[in-house]
Amino acid sequence: MANTARKPASHLRIAQTNDPAPTPAAPPAAVLIDDPKAPEFFASACCGFSIGQGNVTLTFETARCNHFDPNSTMSRVVVGRIVLPVQAAQALVLQLNSALQQSGLSPSQAVTAGMVVQ
């Protein structure tokens, strides 16, 4: 009877148990596209935050009044929210703290000088 066993293709090789595991290729770095139409908002304060389900939610406010009512008082109005994964929020804190320190506006020194977090 003739030998009908097939030879493996020359470009393929069967992995052996002592072969090192292949290292996955690093994913390509995402390109940052600056969108000039991205929304911007002004906030006079961060009025709250929450941490849950792996995200940090920051809520921002500003003072506004009704200019059509001469007796109007100022109101605190929520103007936006940002939701960040915890790791992105941690990176934001580190980057913001570094930028403030380099500008001579160290948060640590502000607290030492009596700044109160509300």
C-alpha atoms as a PDB file:
ATOM      1  CA  MET A   1       0.000   0.000   0.000  1.00  0.00           C
ATOM      2  CA  ALA A   2       1.343   3.457  -0.896  1.00  0.00           C
ATOM      3  CA  ASN A   3       2.300   5.976   1.812  1.00  0.00           C
ATOM      4  CA  THR A   4      -0.394   8.701   1.682  1.00  0.00           C
ATOM      5  CA  ALA A   5       0.886  10.852   4.597  1.00  0.00           C
ATOM      6  CA  ARG A   6       1.044  14.496   3.595  1.00  0.00           C
ATOM      7  CA  LYS A   7       4.073  16.632   4.204  1.00  0.00           C
ATOM      8  CA  PRO A   8       3.415  19.882   6.095  1.00  0.00           C
ATOM      9  CA  ALA A   9       3.690  23.042   4.053  1.00  0.00           C
ATOM     10  CA  SER A  10       7.218  24.432   4.105  1.00  0.00           C
ATOM     11  CA  HIS A  11       6.088  27.791   5.549  1.00  0.00           C
ATOM     12  CA  LEU A  12       4.253  26.162   8.489  1.00  0.00           C
ATOM     13  CA  ARG A  13       5.828  24.609  11.553  1.00  0.00           C
ATOM     14  CA  ILE A  14       4.217  22.690  14.392  1.00  0.00           C
ATOM     15  CA  ALA A  15       4.953  24.407  17.705  1.00  0.00           C
ATOM     16  CA  GLN A  16       6.967  22.364  20.159  1.00  0.00           C
ATOM     17  CA  THR A  17       6.352  22.412  23.915  1.00  0.00           C
ATOM     18  CA  ASN A  18       9.723  24.116  24.568  1.00  0.00           C
ATOM     19  CA  ASP A  19       9.080  26.939  22.050  1.00  0.00           C
ATOM     20  CA  PRO A  20       8.715  30.359  23.672  1.00  0.00           C
ATOM     21  CA  ALA A  21       5.228  31.826  23.625  1.00  0.00           C
ATOM     22  CA  PRO A  22       4.786  34.369  20.867  1.00  0.00           C
ATOM     23  CA  THR A  23       4.757  37.955  22.080  1.00  0.00           C
ATOM     24  CA  PRO A  24       1.694  39.817  20.891  1.00  0.00           C
ATOM     25  CA  ALA A  25       2.322  42.871  18.778  1.00  0.00           C
ATOM     26  CA  ALA A  26       1.728  46.150  20.584  1.00  0.00           C
ATOM     27  CA  PRO A  27      -1.484  47.793  19.448  1.00  0.00           C
ATOM     28  CA  PRO A  28      -0.905  50.860  17.297  1.00  0.00           C
ATOM     29  CA  ALA A  29      -1.008  54.133  19.216  1.00  0.00           C
ATOM     30  CA  ALA A  30      -4.267  55.977  18.694  1.00  0.00           C
ATOM     31  CA  VAL A  31      -3.883  59.241  16.844  1.00  0.00           C
ATOM     32  CA  LEU A  32      -5.284  62.332  18.608  1.00  0.00           C
ATOM     33  CA  ILE A  33      -7.528  64.326  16.299  1.00  0.00           C
ATOM     34  CA  ASP A  34      -8.174  67.889  17.482  1.00  0.00           C
ATOM     35  CA  ASP A  35     -11.819  68.702  16.731  1.00  0.00           C
ATOM     36  CA  PRO A  36     -12.301  72.497  16.678  1.00  0.00           C
ATOM     37  CA  LYS A  37     -16.051  71.923  17.028  1.00  0.00           C
ATOM     38  CA  ALA A  38     -15.732  69.934  20.272  1.00  0.00           C
ATOM     39  CA  PRO A  39     -17.991  71.453  22.937  1.00  0.00           C
ATOM     40  CA  GLU A  40     -16.451  73.635  25.629  1.00  0.00           C
ATOM     41  CA  PHE A  41     -18.063  74.932  28.781  1.00  0.00           C
ATOM     42  CA  PHE A  42     -17.078  77.249  31.589  1.00  0.00           C
ATOM     43  CA  ALA A  43     -17.537  76.018  35.143  1.00  0.00           C
ATOM     44  CA  SER A  44     -16.959  77.999  38.299  1.00  0.00           C
ATOM     45  CA  ALA A  45     -16.719  74.854  40.430  1.00  0.00           C
ATOM     46  CA  CYS A  46     -16.835  71.093  40.567  1.00  0.00           C
ATOM     47  CA  CYS A  47     -19.940  70.620  42.718  1.00  0.00           C
ATOM     48  CA  GLY A  48     -19.735  66.872  43.119  1.00  0.00           C
ATOM     49  CA  PHE A  49     -18.276  63.580  42.106  1.00  0.00           C
ATOM     50  CA  SER A  50     -19.067  59.917  42.414  1.00  0.00           C
ATOM     51  CA  ILE A  51     -17.104  56.734  41.958  1.00  0.00           C
ATOM     52  CA  GLY A  52     -18.821  53.600  40.779  1.00  0.00           C
ATOM     53  CA  GLN A  53     -18.667  50.766  38.291  1.00  0.00           C
ATOM     54  CA  GLY A  54     -15.042  51.592  37.470  1.00  0.00           C
ATOM     55  CA  ASN A  55     -15.786  55.221  36.584  1.00  0.00           C
ATOM     56  CA  VAL A  56     -15.384  58.623  38.207  1.00  0.00           C
ATOM     57  CA  THR A  57     -18.152  61.120  37.424  1.00  0.00           C
ATOM     58  CA  LEU A  58     -17.400  64.830  37.929  1.00  0.00           C
ATOM     59  CA  THR A  59     -20.298  67.311  37.983  1.00  0.00           C
ATOM     60  CA  PHE A  60     -19.590  70.988  37.213  1.00  0.00           C
ATOM     61  CA  GLU A  61     -21.587  74.131  38.028  1.00  0.00           C
ATOM     62  CA  THR A  62     -21.617  77.849  37.393  1.00  0.00           C
ATOM     63  CA  ALA A  63     -23.628  80.773  38.772  1.00  0.00           C
ATOM     64  CA  ARG A  64     -26.381  82.137  36.537  1.00  0.00           C
ATOM     65  CA  CYS A  65     -29.244  84.555  36.847  1.00  0.00           C
ATOM     66  CA  ASN A  66     -32.432  85.341  34.944  1.00  0.00           C
ATOM     67  CA  HIS A  67     -31.703  88.656  33.224  1.00  0.00           C
ATOM     68  CA  PHE A  68     -35.395  89.138  32.358  1.00  0.00           C
ATOM     69  CA  ASP A  69     -36.386  89.272  36.047  1.00  0.00           C
ATOM     70  CA  PRO A  70     -35.119  92.419  37.850  1.00  0.00           C
ATOM     71  CA  ASN A  71     -35.540  90.617  41.209  1.00  0.00           C
ATOM     72  CA  SER A  72     -33.721  87.470  40.125  1.00  0.00           C
ATOM     73  CA  THR A  73     -31.131  85.946  42.398  1.00  0.00           C
ATOM     74  CA  MET A  74     -28.110  83.949  41.336  1.00  0.00           C
ATOM     75  CA  SER A  75     -28.639  80.214  40.931  1.00  0.00           C
ATOM     76  CA  ARG A  76     -26.118  77.398  40.873  1.00  0.00           C
ATOM     77  CA  VAL A  77     -26.665  75.556  37.587  1.00  0.00           C
ATOM     78  CA  VAL A  78     -25.114  72.266  36.524  1.00  0.00           C
ATOM     79  CA  VAL A  79     -23.346  72.935  33.222  1.00  0.00           C
ATOM     80  CA  GLY A  80     -21.777  69.572  32.515  1.00  0.00           C
ATOM     81  CA  ARG A  81     -20.560  66.182  33.617  1.00  0.00           C
ATOM     82  CA  ILE A  82     -17.455  64.245  32.728  1.00  0.00           C
ATOM     83  CA  VAL A  83     -17.253  60.488  33.214  1.00  0.00           C
ATOM     84  CA  LEU A  84     -13.768  58.966  33.219  1.00  0.00           C
ATOM     85  CA  PRO A  85     -12.549  55.418  33.797  1.00  0.00           C
ATOM     86  CA  VAL A  86     -10.742  55.277  37.162  1.00  0.00           C
ATOM     87  CA  GLN A  87      -7.293  54.968  35.517  1.00  0.00           C
ATOM     88  CA  ALA A  88      -7.957  58.019  33.335  1.00  0.00           C
ATOM     89  CA  ALA A  89      -9.121  59.983  36.405  1.00  0.00           C
ATOM     90  CA  GLN A  90      -5.943  59.013  38.267  1.00  0.00           C
ATOM     91  CA  ALA A  91      -3.826  60.108  35.300  1.00  0.00           C
ATOM     92  CA  LEU A  92      -5.755  63.408  35.160  1.00  0.00           C
ATOM     93  CA  VAL A  93      -5.060  64.057  38.859  1.00  0.00           C
ATOM     94  CA  LEU A  94      -1.331  63.400  38.394  1.00  0.00           C
ATOM     95  CA  GLN A  95      -1.080  65.544  35.250  1.00  0.00           C
ATOM     96  CA  LEU A  96      -3.110  68.405  36.720  1.00  0.00           C
ATOM     97  CA  ASN A  97      -1.139  68.337  39.990  1.00  0.00           C
ATOM     98  CA  SER A  98       2.142  68.401  38.060  1.00  0.00           C
ATOM     99  CA  ALA A  99       1.000  71.293  35.853  1.00  0.00           C
ATOM    100  CA  LEU A 100      -0.193  73.299  38.878  1.00  0.00           C
ATOM    101  CA  GLN A 101       3.078  72.703  40.733  1.00  0.00           C
ATOM    102  CA  GLN A 102       5.119  73.767  37.705  1.00  0.00           C
ATOM    103  CA  SER A 103       3.026  76.953  37.532  1.00  0.00           C
ATOM    104  CA  GLY A 104       3.659  77.729  41.206  1.00  0.00           C
ATOM    105  CA  LEU A 105       0.106  76.790  42.191  1.00  0.00           C
ATOM    106  CA  SER A 106       0.817  73.654  44.217  1.00  0.00           C
ATOM    107  CA  PRO A 107      -2.367  72.114  45.663  1.00  0.00           C
ATOM    108  CA  SER A 108      -0.364  70.800  48.632  1.00  0.00           C
ATOM    109  CA  GLN A 109       0.885  74.294  49.469  1.00  0.00           C
ATOM    110  CA  ALA A 110      -2.640  75.716  49.077  1.00  0.00           C
ATOM    111  CA  VAL A 111      -3.973  73.225  51.638  1.00  0.00           C
ATOM    112  CA  THR A 112      -1.064  73.974  53.983  1.00  0.00           C
ATOM    113  CA  ALA A 113      -1.847  77.713  53.625  1.00  0.00           C
ATOM    114  CA  GLY A 114      -5.437  77.073  54.742  1.00  0.00           C
ATOM    115  CA  MET A 115      -7.400  76.367  51.561  1.00  0.00           C
ATOM    116  CA  VAL A 116     -10.534  74.426  52.468  1.00  0.00           C
ATOM    117  CA  VAL A 117     -11.985  71.754  50.198  1.00  0.00           C
ATOM    118  CA  GLN A 118     -15.774  72.063  50.169  1.00  0.00           C
END
